[in-house]
Amino acid sequence: MAYASAKFAIALCDRCGFQYKLLDLKKEWNGFKTCPECFESKHPQLNPHTAPSDPQALYDPRPNNDKELGEGFVVVVDNNFMNPANVGSNFTVTEMTASVGAVTITV
């Protein structure tokens, strides 16, 4: 279908309502046809943010296997301070009291 050239057509600006030639009106991002004085381009904040997502994991990681750095264990000592035991072993705590700067466990 062929359209007319619109060289004599007139139209109203959707923003100010003044009469202009149809070819002088510009189409905005929201569909309005406005005159050059009323034309506003789309603000960048209206576009979606396209930041890349953070990576979740490393490809082929190599963990630190140095035994001297950052490794240790917690020791639980009984009231006589003679029989230390690792936290992984089975022990029972019947009462626990705490104060500022120190923790006392009573068995």
PDB file of N, CA and C in Angstrom:
ATOM      1  N   MET A   1       0.838  -1.163   0.000  1.00  0.00           N
ATOM      2  CA  MET A   1       0.000   0.000   0.000  1.00  0.00           C
ATOM      3  C   MET A   1       0.892   1.239   0.000  1.00  0.00           C
ATOM      4  N   ALA A   2       0.577   2.156  -0.848  1.00  0.00           N
ATOM      5  CA  ALA A   2       1.353   3.382  -0.960  1.00  0.00           C
ATOM      6  C   ALA A   2       0.745   4.457  -0.073  1.00  0.00           C
ATOM      7  N   TYR A   3       1.578   5.261   0.516  1.00  0.00           N
ATOM      8  CA  TYR A   3       1.135   6.369   1.375  1.00  0.00           C
ATOM      9  C   TYR A   3       1.388   7.694   0.673  1.00  0.00           C
ATOM     10  N   ALA A   4       0.664   8.718   1.064  1.00  0.00           N
ATOM     11  CA  ALA A   4       0.872  10.055   0.515  1.00  0.00           C
ATOM     12  C   ALA A   4       2.171  10.626   1.057  1.00  0.00           C
ATOM     13  N   SER A   5       2.735  11.602   0.379  1.00  0.00           N
ATOM     14  CA  SER A   5       4.023  12.169   0.788  1.00  0.00           C
ATOM     15  C   SER A   5       3.907  13.079   1.999  1.00  0.00           C
ATOM     16  N   ALA A   6       2.731  13.598   2.317  1.00  0.00           N
ATOM     17  CA  ALA A   6       2.458  14.436   3.489  1.00  0.00           C
ATOM     18  C   ALA A   6       3.215  15.748   3.471  1.00  0.00           C
ATOM     19  N   LYS A   7       3.583  16.238   2.276  1.00  0.00           N
ATOM     20  CA  LYS A   7       4.321  17.498   2.248  1.00  0.00           C
ATOM     21  C   LYS A   7       3.429  18.696   2.538  1.00  0.00           C
ATOM     22  N   PHE A   8       2.110  18.556   2.406  1.00  0.00           N
ATOM     23  CA  PHE A   8       1.186  19.646   2.735  1.00  0.00           C
ATOM     24  C   PHE A   8       0.380  19.364   4.013  1.00  0.00           C
ATOM     25  N   ALA A   9       0.595  18.221   4.637  1.00  0.00           N
ATOM     26  CA  ALA A   9      -0.201  17.831   5.802  1.00  0.00           C
ATOM     27  C   ALA A   9       0.201  18.639   7.026  1.00  0.00           C
ATOM     28  N   ILE A  10      -0.795  18.970   7.835  1.00  0.00           N
ATOM     29  CA  ILE A  10      -0.522  19.668   9.088  1.00  0.00           C
ATOM     30  C   ILE A  10      -1.013  18.797  10.247  1.00  0.00           C
ATOM     31  N   ALA A  11      -0.399  18.988  11.417  1.00  0.00           N
ATOM     32  CA  ALA A  11      -0.755  18.193  12.591  1.00  0.00           C
ATOM     33  C   ALA A  11      -0.536  19.040  13.831  1.00  0.00           C
ATOM     34  N   LEU A  12      -1.086  18.589  14.937  1.00  0.00           N
ATOM     35  CA  LEU A  12      -0.930  19.273  16.224  1.00  0.00           C
ATOM     36  C   LEU A  12       0.131  18.562  17.060  1.00  0.00           C
ATOM     37  N   CYS A  13       0.919  19.356  17.738  1.00  0.00           N
ATOM     38  CA  CYS A  13       1.904  18.810  18.670  1.00  0.00           C
ATOM     39  C   CYS A  13       1.147  18.198  19.849  1.00  0.00           C
ATOM     40  N   ASP A  14       1.496  16.986  20.252  1.00  0.00           N
ATOM     41  CA  ASP A  14       0.825  16.313  21.364  1.00  0.00           C
ATOM     42  C   ASP A  14       1.145  16.956  22.707  1.00  0.00           C
ATOM     43  N   ARG A  15       2.183  17.753  22.796  1.00  0.00           N
ATOM     44  CA  ARG A  15       2.561  18.350  24.066  1.00  0.00           C
ATOM     45  C   ARG A  15       2.015  19.777  24.213  1.00  0.00           C
ATOM     46  N   CYS A  16       2.268  20.634  23.236  1.00  0.00           N
ATOM     47  CA  CYS A  16       1.846  22.035  23.376  1.00  0.00           C
ATOM     48  C   CYS A  16       0.550  22.353  22.630  1.00  0.00           C
ATOM     49  N   GLY A  17       0.184  21.528  21.660  1.00  0.00           N
ATOM     50  CA  GLY A  17      -1.063  21.737  20.942  1.00  0.00           C
ATOM     51  C   GLY A  17      -0.982  22.707  19.778  1.00  0.00           C
ATOM     52  N   PHE A  18       0.179  23.263  19.471  1.00  0.00           N
ATOM     53  CA  PHE A  18       0.303  24.169  18.338  1.00  0.00           C
ATOM     54  C   PHE A  18       0.327  23.389  17.030  1.00  0.00           C
ATOM     55  N   GLN A  19       0.008  24.072  15.954  1.00  0.00           N
ATOM     56  CA  GLN A  19      -0.077  23.464  14.639  1.00  0.00           C
ATOM     57  C   GLN A  19       1.283  23.547  13.939  1.00  0.00           C
ATOM     58  N   TYR A  20       1.726  22.421  13.373  1.00  0.00           N
ATOM     59  CA  TYR A  20       3.006  22.332  12.652  1.00  0.00           C
ATOM     60  C   TYR A  20       2.788  21.468  11.424  1.00  0.00           C
ATOM     61  N   LYS A  21       3.743  21.511  10.511  1.00  0.00           N
ATOM     62  CA  LYS A  21       3.736  20.561   9.414  1.00  0.00           C
ATOM     63  C   LYS A  21       3.991  19.166   9.988  1.00  0.00           C
ATOM     64  N   LEU A  22       3.323  18.176   9.435  1.00  0.00           N
ATOM     65  CA  LEU A  22       3.463  16.811   9.941  1.00  0.00           C
ATOM     66  C   LEU A  22       4.905  16.319   9.843  1.00  0.00           C
ATOM     67  N   LEU A  23       5.600  16.738   8.804  1.00  0.00           N
ATOM     68  CA  LEU A  23       6.988  16.297   8.630  1.00  0.00           C
ATOM     69  C   LEU A  23       7.937  16.944   9.641  1.00  0.00           C
ATOM     70  N   ASP A  24       7.517  18.048  10.282  1.00  0.00           N
ATOM     71  CA  ASP A  24       8.370  18.707  11.279  1.00  0.00           C
ATOM     72  C   ASP A  24       8.254  18.063  12.665  1.00  0.00           C
ATOM     73  N   LEU A  25       7.197  17.299  12.889  1.00  0.00           N
ATOM     74  CA  LEU A  25       7.016  16.672  14.201  1.00  0.00           C
ATOM     75  C   LEU A  25       7.938  15.467  14.348  1.00  0.00           C
ATOM     76  N   LYS A  26       8.423  15.274  15.552  1.00  0.00           N
ATOM     77  CA  LYS A  26       9.303  14.140  15.856  1.00  0.00           C
ATOM     78  C   LYS A  26       8.567  13.177  16.783  1.00  0.00           C
ATOM     79  N   LYS A  27       8.797  11.896  16.606  1.00  0.00           N
ATOM     80  CA  LYS A  27       8.151  10.899  17.450  1.00  0.00           C
ATOM     81  C   LYS A  27       9.044  10.598  18.655  1.00  0.00           C
ATOM     82  N   GLU A  28       8.461  10.715  19.863  1.00  0.00           N
ATOM     83  CA  GLU A  28       9.201  10.434  21.098  1.00  0.00           C
ATOM     84  C   GLU A  28       9.139   8.950  21.430  1.00  0.00           C
ATOM     85  N   TRP A  29       9.867   8.557  22.465  1.00  0.00           N
ATOM     86  CA  TRP A  29       9.942   7.168  22.903  1.00  0.00           C
ATOM     87  C   TRP A  29       8.601   6.670  23.434  1.00  0.00           C
ATOM     88  N   ASN A  30       7.735   7.573  23.912  1.00  0.00           N
ATOM     89  CA  ASN A  30       6.443   7.175  24.469  1.00  0.00           C
ATOM     90  C   ASN A  30       5.326   7.225  23.435  1.00  0.00           C
ATOM     91  N   GLY A  31       5.637   7.500  22.168  1.00  0.00           N
ATOM     92  CA  GLY A  31       4.658   7.504  21.092  1.00  0.00           C
ATOM     93  C   GLY A  31       4.109   8.869  20.747  1.00  0.00           C
ATOM     94  N   PHE A  32       4.409   9.910  21.511  1.00  0.00           N
ATOM     95  CA  PHE A  32       3.923  11.259  21.207  1.00  0.00           C
ATOM     96  C   PHE A  32       4.635  11.800  19.980  1.00  0.00           C
ATOM     97  N   LYS A  33       3.897  12.569  19.190  1.00  0.00           N
ATOM     98  CA  LYS A  33       4.511  13.328  18.097  1.00  0.00           C
ATOM     99  C   LYS A  33       4.572  14.764  18.571  1.00  0.00           C
ATOM    100  N   THR A  34       5.784  15.300  18.716  1.00  0.00           N
ATOM    101  CA  THR A  34       5.967  16.627  19.291  1.00  0.00           C
ATOM    102  C   THR A  34       6.774  17.508  18.344  1.00  0.00           C
ATOM    103  N   CYS A  35       6.639  18.810  18.556  1.00  0.00           N
ATOM    104  CA  CYS A  35       7.409  19.780  17.778  1.00  0.00           C
ATOM    105  C   CYS A  35       8.870  19.757  18.250  1.00  0.00           C
ATOM    106  N   PRO A  36       9.782  20.347  17.504  1.00  0.00           N
ATOM    107  CA  PRO A  36      11.191  20.345  17.913  1.00  0.00           C
ATOM    108  C   PRO A  36      11.430  21.038  19.253  1.00  0.00           C
ATOM    109  N   GLU A  37      10.597  22.042  19.613  1.00  0.00           N
ATOM    110  CA  GLU A  37      10.784  22.727  20.892  1.00  0.00           C
ATOM    111  C   GLU A  37      10.351  21.859  22.076  1.00  0.00           C
ATOM    112  N   CYS A  38       9.338  21.038  21.882  1.00  0.00           N
ATOM    113  CA  CYS A  38       8.811  20.199  22.973  1.00  0.00           C
ATOM    114  C   CYS A  38       9.462  18.829  23.037  1.00  0.00           C
ATOM    115  N   PHE A  39      10.258  18.468  22.055  1.00  0.00           N
ATOM    116  CA  PHE A  39      10.822  17.114  21.991  1.00  0.00           C
ATOM    117  C   PHE A  39      11.736  16.854  23.177  1.00  0.00           C
ATOM    118  N   GLU A  40      11.538  15.714  23.836  1.00  0.00           N
ATOM    119  CA  GLU A  40      12.407  15.259  24.924  1.00  0.00           C
ATOM    120  C   GLU A  40      12.849  13.838  24.618  1.00  0.00           C
ATOM    121  N   SER A  41      14.153  13.622  24.649  1.00  0.00           N
ATOM    122  CA  SER A  41      14.645  12.264  24.430  1.00  0.00           C
ATOM    123  C   SER A  41      14.429  11.434  25.696  1.00  0.00           C
ATOM    124  N   LYS A  42      14.530  10.140  25.557  1.00  0.00           N
ATOM    125  CA  LYS A  42      14.303   9.242  26.687  1.00  0.00           C
ATOM    126  C   LYS A  42      15.446   9.376  27.686  1.00  0.00           C
ATOM    127  N   HIS A  43      15.101   9.513  28.959  1.00  0.00           N
ATOM    128  CA  HIS A  43      16.110   9.650  29.999  1.00  0.00           C
ATOM    129  C   HIS A  43      16.808   8.308  30.206  1.00  0.00           C
ATOM    130  N   PRO A  44      18.131   8.301  30.412  1.00  0.00           N
ATOM    131  CA  PRO A  44      18.856   7.036  30.572  1.00  0.00           C
ATOM    132  C   PRO A  44      18.407   6.205  31.764  1.00  0.00           C
ATOM    133  N   GLN A  45      17.837   6.834  32.802  1.00  0.00           N
ATOM    134  CA  GLN A  45      17.401   6.057  33.961  1.00  0.00           C
ATOM    135  C   GLN A  45      16.188   5.191  33.659  1.00  0.00           C
ATOM    136  N   LEU A  46      15.489   5.455  32.563  1.00  0.00           N
ATOM    137  CA  LEU A  46      14.340   4.643  32.199  1.00  0.00           C
ATOM    138  C   LEU A  46      14.741   3.345  31.513  1.00  0.00           C
ATOM    139  N   ASN A  47      15.985   3.243  31.079  1.00  0.00           N
ATOM    140  CA  ASN A  47      16.472   2.007  30.475  1.00  0.00           C
ATOM    141  C   ASN A  47      16.872   1.033  31.573  1.00  0.00           C
ATOM    142  N   PRO A  48      16.679  -0.264  31.363  1.00  0.00           N
ATOM    143  CA  PRO A  48      17.077  -1.232  32.394  1.00  0.00           C
ATOM    144  C   PRO A  48      18.589  -1.270  32.565  1.00  0.00           C
ATOM    145  N   HIS A  49      19.014  -1.528  33.784  1.00  0.00           N
ATOM    146  CA  HIS A  49      20.433  -1.606  34.111  1.00  0.00           C
ATOM    147  C   HIS A  49      20.992  -2.930  33.595  1.00  0.00           C
ATOM    148  N   THR A  50      22.086  -2.879  32.877  1.00  0.00           N
ATOM    149  CA  THR A  50      22.642  -4.088  32.272  1.00  0.00           C
ATOM    150  C   THR A  50      24.011  -4.420  32.852  1.00  0.00           C
ATOM    151  N   ALA A  51      24.149  -4.348  34.169  1.00  0.00           N
ATOM    152  CA  ALA A  51      25.423  -4.689  34.785  1.00  0.00           C
ATOM    153  C   ALA A  51      25.594  -6.204  34.781  1.00  0.00           C
ATOM    154  N   PRO A  52      26.816  -6.682  34.550  1.00  0.00           N
ATOM    155  CA  PRO A  52      27.024  -8.135  34.580  1.00  0.00           C
ATOM    156  C   PRO A  52      26.881  -8.663  36.001  1.00  0.00           C
ATOM    157  N   SER A  53      26.452  -9.896  36.118  1.00  0.00           N
ATOM    158  CA  SER A  53      26.296 -10.496  37.439  1.00  0.00           C
ATOM    159  C   SER A  53      27.662 -10.892  37.991  1.00  0.00           C
ATOM    160  N   ASP A  54      27.726 -11.020  39.296  1.00  0.00           N
ATOM    161  CA  ASP A  54      28.969 -11.420  39.938  1.00  0.00           C
ATOM    162  C   ASP A  54      29.237 -12.899  39.686  1.00  0.00           C
ATOM    163  N   PRO A  55      30.501 -13.274  39.474  1.00  0.00           N
ATOM    164  CA  PRO A  55      30.802 -14.690  39.289  1.00  0.00           C
ATOM    165  C   PRO A  55      30.568 -15.459  40.590  1.00  0.00           C
ATOM    166  N   GLN A  56      30.135 -16.704  40.474  1.00  0.00           N
ATOM    167  CA  GLN A  56      29.779 -17.501  41.646  1.00  0.00           C
ATOM    168  C   GLN A  56      30.940 -18.359  42.151  1.00  0.00           C
ATOM    169  N   ALA A  57      31.761 -18.853  41.287  1.00  0.00           N
ATOM    170  CA  ALA A  57      32.838 -19.741  41.713  1.00  0.00           C
ATOM    171  C   ALA A  57      34.031 -19.587  40.780  1.00  0.00           C
ATOM    172  N   LEU A  58      35.182 -19.990  41.252  1.00  0.00           N
ATOM    173  CA  LEU A  58      36.383 -19.976  40.432  1.00  0.00           C
ATOM    174  C   LEU A  58      36.458 -21.248  39.596  1.00  0.00           C
ATOM    175  N   TYR A  59      36.990 -21.121  38.400  1.00  0.00           N
ATOM    176  CA  TYR A  59      37.227 -22.290  37.574  1.00  0.00           C
ATOM    177  C   TYR A  59      38.549 -22.913  38.005  1.00  0.00           C
ATOM    178  N   ASP A  60      38.536 -24.185  38.343  1.00  0.00           N
ATOM    179  CA  ASP A  60      39.714 -24.951  38.738  1.00  0.00           C
ATOM    180  C   ASP A  60      40.473 -24.264  39.883  1.00  0.00           C
ATOM    181  N   PRO A  61      39.858 -24.150  41.066  1.00  0.00           N
ATOM    182  CA  PRO A  61      40.507 -23.450  42.178  1.00  0.00           C
ATOM    183  C   PRO A  61      41.656 -24.244  42.772  1.00  0.00           C
ATOM    184  N   ARG A  62      42.569 -23.538  43.401  1.00  0.00           N
ATOM    185  CA  ARG A  62      43.693 -24.180  44.088  1.00  0.00           C
ATOM    186  C   ARG A  62      43.710 -23.666  45.517  1.00  0.00           C
ATOM    187  N   PRO A  63      43.112 -24.418  46.455  1.00  0.00           N
ATOM    188  CA  PRO A  63      43.056 -23.942  47.845  1.00  0.00           C
ATOM    189  C   PRO A  63      44.429 -23.924  48.496  1.00  0.00           C
ATOM    190  N   ASN A  64      44.549 -23.105  49.535  1.00  0.00           N
ATOM    191  CA  ASN A  64      45.796 -23.013  50.273  1.00  0.00           C
ATOM    192  C   ASN A  64      45.952 -24.246  51.143  1.00  0.00           C
ATOM    193  N   ASN A  65      46.997 -25.025  50.905  1.00  0.00           N
ATOM    194  CA  ASN A  65      47.248 -26.242  51.672  1.00  0.00           C
ATOM    195  C   ASN A  65      48.402 -26.075  52.650  1.00  0.00           C
ATOM    196  N   ASP A  66      48.788 -24.848  52.915  1.00  0.00           N
ATOM    197  CA  ASP A  66      49.890 -24.593  53.828  1.00  0.00           C
ATOM    198  C   ASP A  66      49.429 -24.864  55.263  1.00  0.00           C
ATOM    199  N   LYS A  67      50.085 -25.795  55.958  1.00  0.00           N
ATOM    200  CA  LYS A  67      49.685 -26.189  57.313  1.00  0.00           C
ATOM    201  C   LYS A  67      50.027 -25.121  58.349  1.00  0.00           C
ATOM    202  N   GLU A  68      50.974 -24.234  58.040  1.00  0.00           N
ATOM    203  CA  GLU A  68      51.408 -23.256  59.033  1.00  0.00           C
ATOM    204  C   GLU A  68      50.492 -22.040  59.098  1.00  0.00           C
ATOM    205  N   LEU A  69      49.718 -21.791  58.072  1.00  0.00           N
ATOM    206  CA  LEU A  69      48.905 -20.582  58.033  1.00  0.00           C
ATOM    207  C   LEU A  69      47.434 -20.898  58.270  1.00  0.00           C
ATOM    208  N   GLY A  70      46.861 -20.280  59.267  1.00  0.00           N
ATOM    209  CA  GLY A  70      45.434 -20.278  59.450  1.00  0.00           C
ATOM    210  C   GLY A  70      44.792 -21.546  59.954  1.00  0.00           C
ATOM    211  N   GLU A  71      45.538 -22.565  60.273  1.00  0.00           N
ATOM    212  CA  GLU A  71      44.937 -23.784  60.762  1.00  0.00           C
ATOM    213  C   GLU A  71      45.217 -23.937  62.243  1.00  0.00           C
ATOM    214  N   GLY A  72      44.284 -24.490  62.931  1.00  0.00           N
ATOM    215  CA  GLY A  72      44.443 -24.724  64.359  1.00  0.00           C
ATOM    216  C   GLY A  72      43.239 -25.460  64.869  1.00  0.00           C
ATOM    217  N   PHE A  73      43.177 -25.681  66.166  1.00  0.00           N
ATOM    218  CA  PHE A  73      42.052 -26.367  66.754  1.00  0.00           C
ATOM    219  C   PHE A  73      41.803 -25.801  68.136  1.00  0.00           C
ATOM    220  N   VAL A  74      40.590 -25.993  68.612  1.00  0.00           N
ATOM    221  CA  VAL A  74      40.202 -25.512  69.928  1.00  0.00           C
ATOM    222  C   VAL A  74      40.390 -26.653  70.906  1.00  0.00           C
ATOM    223  N   VAL A  75      40.970 -26.338  72.045  1.00  0.00           N
ATOM    224  CA  VAL A  75      41.232 -27.362  73.060  1.00  0.00           C
ATOM    225  C   VAL A  75      40.304 -27.127  74.240  1.00  0.00           C
ATOM    226  N   VAL A  76      39.674 -28.213  74.696  1.00  0.00           N
ATOM    227  CA  VAL A  76      38.839 -28.173  75.889  1.00  0.00           C
ATOM    228  C   VAL A  76      39.622 -28.840  77.007  1.00  0.00           C
ATOM    229  N   VAL A  77      39.768 -28.144  78.115  1.00  0.00           N
ATOM    230  CA  VAL A  77      40.566 -28.650  79.234  1.00  0.00           C
ATOM    231  C   VAL A  77      39.641 -28.861  80.425  1.00  0.00           C
ATOM    232  N   ASP A  78      39.837 -29.965  81.152  1.00  0.00           N
ATOM    233  CA  ASP A  78      38.999 -30.193  82.331  1.00  0.00           C
ATOM    234  C   ASP A  78      39.473 -29.324  83.488  1.00  0.00           C
ATOM    235  N   ASN A  79      38.839 -29.440  84.652  1.00  0.00           N
ATOM    236  CA  ASN A  79      39.139 -28.572  85.790  1.00  0.00           C
ATOM    237  C   ASN A  79      40.568 -28.716  86.299  1.00  0.00           C
ATOM    238  N   ASN A  80      41.173 -29.889  86.108  1.00  0.00           N
ATOM    239  CA  ASN A  80      42.535 -30.110  86.593  1.00  0.00           C
ATOM    240  C   ASN A  80      43.582 -29.604  85.616  1.00  0.00           C
ATOM    241  N   PHE A  81      43.181 -29.159  84.403  1.00  0.00           N
ATOM    242  CA  PHE A  81      44.094 -28.682  83.353  1.00  0.00           C
ATOM    243  C   PHE A  81      45.126 -29.743  82.980  1.00  0.00           C
ATOM    244  N   MET A  82      44.753 -31.019  83.078  1.00  0.00           N
ATOM    245  CA  MET A  82      45.697 -32.081  82.759  1.00  0.00           C
ATOM    246  C   MET A  82      45.281 -32.891  81.529  1.00  0.00           C
ATOM    247  N   ASN A  83      44.023 -32.936  81.208  1.00  0.00           N
ATOM    248  CA  ASN A  83      43.566 -33.808  80.128  1.00  0.00           C
ATOM    249  C   ASN A  83      42.931 -32.991  79.000  1.00  0.00           C
ATOM    250  N   PRO A  84      43.737 -32.415  78.100  1.00  0.00           N
ATOM    251  CA  PRO A  84      43.132 -31.677  76.983  1.00  0.00           C
ATOM    252  C   PRO A  84      42.463 -32.635  75.996  1.00  0.00           C
ATOM    253  N   ALA A  85      41.393 -32.198  75.399  1.00  0.00           N
ATOM    254  CA  ALA A  85      40.694 -33.007  74.398  1.00  0.00           C
ATOM    255  C   ALA A  85      40.302 -32.098  73.237  1.00  0.00           C
ATOM    256  N   ASN A  86      40.328 -32.635  72.027  1.00  0.00           N
ATOM    257  CA  ASN A  86      39.900 -31.861  70.860  1.00  0.00           C
ATOM    258  C   ASN A  86      38.397 -31.643  70.911  1.00  0.00           C
ATOM    259  N   VAL A  87      37.936 -30.581  70.279  1.00  0.00           N
ATOM    260  CA  VAL A  87      36.510 -30.274  70.278  1.00  0.00           C
ATOM    261  C   VAL A  87      35.734 -31.367  69.556  1.00  0.00           C
ATOM    262  N   GLY A  88      36.327 -32.028  68.606  1.00  0.00           N
ATOM    263  CA  GLY A  88      35.639 -33.069  67.864  1.00  0.00           C
ATOM    264  C   GLY A  88      35.306 -34.291  68.691  1.00  0.00           C
ATOM    265  N   SER A  89      35.939 -34.479  69.826  1.00  0.00           N
ATOM    266  CA  SER A  89      35.654 -35.648  70.648  1.00  0.00           C
ATOM    267  C   SER A  89      34.377 -35.418  71.446  1.00  0.00           C
ATOM    268  N   ASN A  90      33.835 -36.468  72.022  1.00  0.00           N
ATOM    269  CA  ASN A  90      32.594 -36.375  72.771  1.00  0.00           C
ATOM    270  C   ASN A  90      32.860 -35.859  74.171  1.00  0.00           C
ATOM    271  N   PHE A  91      32.193 -34.798  74.535  1.00  0.00           N
ATOM    272  CA  PHE A  91      32.250 -34.290  75.898  1.00  0.00           C
ATOM    273  C   PHE A  91      30.909 -33.654  76.204  1.00  0.00           C
ATOM    274  N   THR A  92      30.591 -33.555  77.472  1.00  0.00           N
ATOM    275  CA  THR A  92      29.296 -33.046  77.899  1.00  0.00           C
ATOM    276  C   THR A  92      29.501 -31.822  78.768  1.00  0.00           C
ATOM    277  N   VAL A  93      28.730 -30.800  78.525  1.00  0.00           N
ATOM    278  CA  VAL A  93      28.774 -29.594  79.332  1.00  0.00           C
ATOM    279  C   VAL A  93      27.458 -29.521  80.096  1.00  0.00           C
ATOM    280  N   THR A  94      27.541 -29.529  81.420  1.00  0.00           N
ATOM    281  CA  THR A  94      26.322 -29.475  82.222  1.00  0.00           C
ATOM    282  C   THR A  94      25.953 -28.050  82.593  1.00  0.00           C
ATOM    283  N   GLU A  95      26.928 -27.203  82.808  1.00  0.00           N
ATOM    284  CA  GLU A  95      26.653 -25.823  83.183  1.00  0.00           C
ATOM    285  C   GLU A  95      27.709 -24.940  82.547  1.00  0.00           C
ATOM    286  N   MET A  96      27.293 -23.747  82.124  1.00  0.00           N
ATOM    287  CA  MET A  96      28.238 -22.833  81.502  1.00  0.00           C
ATOM    288  C   MET A  96      27.970 -21.436  82.032  1.00  0.00           C
ATOM    289  N   THR A  97      29.008 -20.795  82.549  1.00  0.00           N
ATOM    290  CA  THR A  97      28.897 -19.422  83.020  1.00  0.00           C
ATOM    291  C   THR A  97      29.940 -18.596  82.300  1.00  0.00           C
ATOM    292  N   ALA A  98      29.655 -17.313  82.136  1.00  0.00           N
ATOM    293  CA  ALA A  98      30.581 -16.447  81.410  1.00  0.00           C
ATOM    294  C   ALA A  98      30.697 -15.122  82.129  1.00  0.00           C
ATOM    295  N   SER A  99      31.834 -14.486  81.936  1.00  0.00           N
ATOM    296  CA  SER A  99      32.056 -13.146  82.447  1.00  0.00           C
ATOM    297  C   SER A  99      32.826 -12.374  81.384  1.00  0.00           C
ATOM    298  N   VAL A 100      32.990 -11.099  81.604  1.00  0.00           N
ATOM    299  CA  VAL A 100      33.677 -10.270  80.615  1.00  0.00           C
ATOM    300  C   VAL A 100      35.135 -10.684  80.542  1.00  0.00           C
ATOM    301  N   GLY A 101      35.555 -11.115  79.365  1.00  0.00           N
ATOM    302  CA  GLY A 101      36.953 -11.462  79.149  1.00  0.00           C
ATOM    303  C   GLY A 101      37.284 -12.911  79.392  1.00  0.00           C
ATOM    304  N   ALA A 102      36.399 -13.709  80.008  1.00  0.00           N
ATOM    305  CA  ALA A 102      36.712 -15.111  80.276  1.00  0.00           C
ATOM    306  C   ALA A 102      35.434 -15.927  80.244  1.00  0.00           C
ATOM    307  N   VAL A 103      35.575 -17.183  79.845  1.00  0.00           N
ATOM    308  CA  VAL A 103      34.455 -18.124  79.843  1.00  0.00           C
ATOM    309  C   VAL A 103      34.842 -19.290  80.741  1.00  0.00           C
ATOM    310  N   THR A 104      33.962 -19.649  81.678  1.00  0.00           N
ATOM    311  CA  THR A 104      34.207 -20.762  82.602  1.00  0.00           C
ATOM    312  C   THR A 104      33.181 -21.851  82.335  1.00  0.00           C
ATOM    313  N   ILE A 105      33.638 -23.056  82.136  1.00  0.00           N
ATOM    314  CA  ILE A 105      32.750 -24.192  81.917  1.00  0.00           C
ATOM    315  C   ILE A 105      32.901 -25.124  83.105  1.00  0.00           C
ATOM    316  N   THR A 106      31.766 -25.460  83.737  1.00  0.00           N
ATOM    317  CA  THR A 106      31.778 -26.345  84.888  1.00  0.00           C
ATOM    318  C   THR A 106      31.154 -27.675  84.483  1.00  0.00           C
ATOM    319  N   VAL A 107      31.854 -28.757  84.766  1.00  0.00           N
ATOM    320  CA  VAL A 107      31.361 -30.082  84.399  1.00  0.00           C
ATOM    321  C   VAL A 107      30.762 -30.766  85.608  1.00  0.00           C
TER     322      VAL A 107
END
